[in-house]
Amino acid sequence: MTVYLKLLHGRHDPDQRLNDWGFDGPTLGPFEAVHFTYLTDVTCMPRDPTGDALQLRFHEDLLVYEGKYYGDFEIAANFRADTPTPDPSPDPHGIGGVRDPVAAAG
């Protein structure tokens, strides 16, 4: 079985205070496994043993990928159009929880 990593609740600056959900990031994979080292590093192991692992890191509590910062991520065997997305409320960090399709497009 393979897994994918879906990045959500994105922002361009880690200090940006969001008034909405932010933007959805890419879905990465497929991977054979995803390994977490504490909450500092994430290693995504490729299905092809000759491929390079994808190394991600955390900046405080945000996962960093290609210079963007994500407050949420999901790991699943696949993501379909009807895959449920978690309700972002309640908002434990006080940064907004309404998904904004305009922000997602930005």
Protein backbone atom coordinates (compact mmCIF):
# COMPACT_ATOMS: atom_id res chain seq x y z
CA MET A 1 0.00 0.00 0.00
CA THR A 2 1.14 3.53 -0.67
CA VAL A 3 0.25 6.79 1.04
CA TYR A 4 -0.10 10.41 0.05
CA LEU A 5 0.46 13.58 2.07
CA LYS A 6 -2.07 16.39 1.51
CA LEU A 7 -1.05 19.88 2.69
CA LEU A 8 -3.75 22.26 3.98
CA HIS A 9 -4.26 25.57 5.80
CA GLY A 10 -1.44 27.24 3.90
CA ARG A 11 0.13 30.66 4.18
CA HIS A 12 3.13 32.39 2.61
CA ASP A 13 4.60 33.79 5.84
CA PRO A 14 4.81 31.84 9.11
CA ASP A 15 3.87 34.98 11.05
CA GLN A 16 0.79 35.67 8.91
CA ARG A 17 -2.35 35.77 11.01
CA LEU A 18 -5.13 34.19 8.98
CA ASN A 19 -8.74 35.37 9.05
CA ASP A 20 -9.80 32.33 7.03
CA TRP A 21 -8.62 28.81 6.22
CA GLY A 22 -5.74 29.86 3.97
CA PHE A 23 -4.96 27.94 0.79
CA ASP A 24 -4.86 24.24 0.06
CA GLY A 25 -1.42 22.97 -0.88
CA PRO A 26 -0.41 20.07 -3.08
CA THR A 27 -0.99 16.39 -2.53
CA LEU A 28 2.44 14.73 -2.44
CA GLY A 29 3.20 11.09 -3.19
CA PRO A 30 2.81 8.25 -3.64
CA PHE A 31 5.09 7.20 -0.78
CA GLU A 32 5.86 3.84 0.74
CA ALA A 33 5.94 5.39 4.21
CA VAL A 34 6.05 8.71 6.02
CA HIS A 35 8.37 8.95 9.03
CA PHE A 36 8.24 11.68 11.69
CA THR A 37 11.23 12.56 13.88
CA TYR A 38 9.79 14.29 16.91
CA LEU A 39 7.93 17.21 15.37
CA THR A 40 10.92 18.66 13.61
CA ASP A 41 11.42 16.56 10.47
CA VAL A 42 9.28 14.45 8.14
CA THR A 43 10.81 11.95 5.74
CA CYS A 44 8.59 10.67 2.92
CA MET A 45 9.98 7.39 1.58
CA PRO A 46 9.46 6.89 -2.16
CA ARG A 47 7.79 3.77 -3.55
CA ASP A 48 10.76 3.29 -5.87
CA PRO A 49 13.71 2.20 -3.69
CA THR A 50 16.12 3.96 -6.08
CA GLY A 51 14.31 7.31 -5.66
CA ASP A 52 15.21 10.05 -3.23
CA ALA A 53 13.27 10.56 -0.03
CA LEU A 54 11.40 13.85 0.32
CA GLN A 55 12.63 15.69 3.41
CA LEU A 56 10.26 18.19 5.02
CA ARG A 57 10.70 20.18 8.20
CA PHE A 58 8.59 22.05 10.69
CA HIS A 59 8.94 25.75 11.42
CA GLU A 60 7.49 25.99 14.92
CA ASP A 61 4.11 24.27 14.42
CA LEU A 62 3.90 24.70 10.62
CA LEU A 63 5.04 22.14 8.03
CA VAL A 64 7.23 23.79 5.35
CA TYR A 65 7.13 22.81 1.68
CA GLU A 66 8.62 24.87 -1.18
CA GLY A 67 8.75 28.05 0.90
CA LYS A 68 5.11 27.86 2.01
CA TYR A 69 3.83 27.02 5.48
CA TYR A 70 0.98 24.60 6.28
CA GLY A 71 -0.90 24.31 9.54
CA ASP A 72 -2.64 21.04 8.67
CA PHE A 73 -1.84 17.91 6.71
CA GLU A 74 -3.51 14.58 6.06
CA ILE A 75 -2.01 11.19 5.29
CA ALA A 76 -4.14 8.68 3.40
CA ALA A 77 -3.96 5.82 0.91
CA ASN A 78 -5.73 8.07 -1.60
CA PHE A 79 -7.69 11.28 -1.84
CA ARG A 80 -10.81 11.41 -3.98
CA ALA A 81 -13.01 14.37 -4.75
CA ASP A 82 -15.42 13.16 -2.05
CA THR A 83 -12.72 12.66 0.62
CA PRO A 84 -14.02 14.39 3.74
CA THR A 85 -12.08 17.43 4.85
CA PRO A 86 -12.08 18.11 8.57
CA ASP A 87 -14.26 20.92 9.83
CA PRO A 88 -11.70 23.53 10.84
CA SER A 89 -13.77 24.61 13.85
CA PRO A 90 -13.43 24.84 16.76
CA ASP A 91 -10.45 27.08 16.26
CA PRO A 92 -8.05 26.24 19.10
CA HIS A 93 -5.38 28.69 17.96
CA GLY A 94 -7.68 31.64 17.28
CA ILE A 95 -6.54 32.02 13.67
CA GLY A 96 -9.85 31.62 11.86
CA GLY A 97 -11.60 28.53 10.69
CA VAL A 98 -13.77 29.32 7.69
CA ARG A 99 -12.55 27.81 4.44
CA ASP A 100 -12.33 30.52 1.84
CA PRO A 101 -12.29 29.35 -1.80
CA VAL A 102 -10.87 32.71 -2.88
CA ALA A 103 -7.90 32.31 -0.49
CA ALA A 104 -7.45 28.71 -1.69
CA ALA A 105 -7.07 29.93 -5.26
CA GLY A 106 -4.41 32.51 -4.24
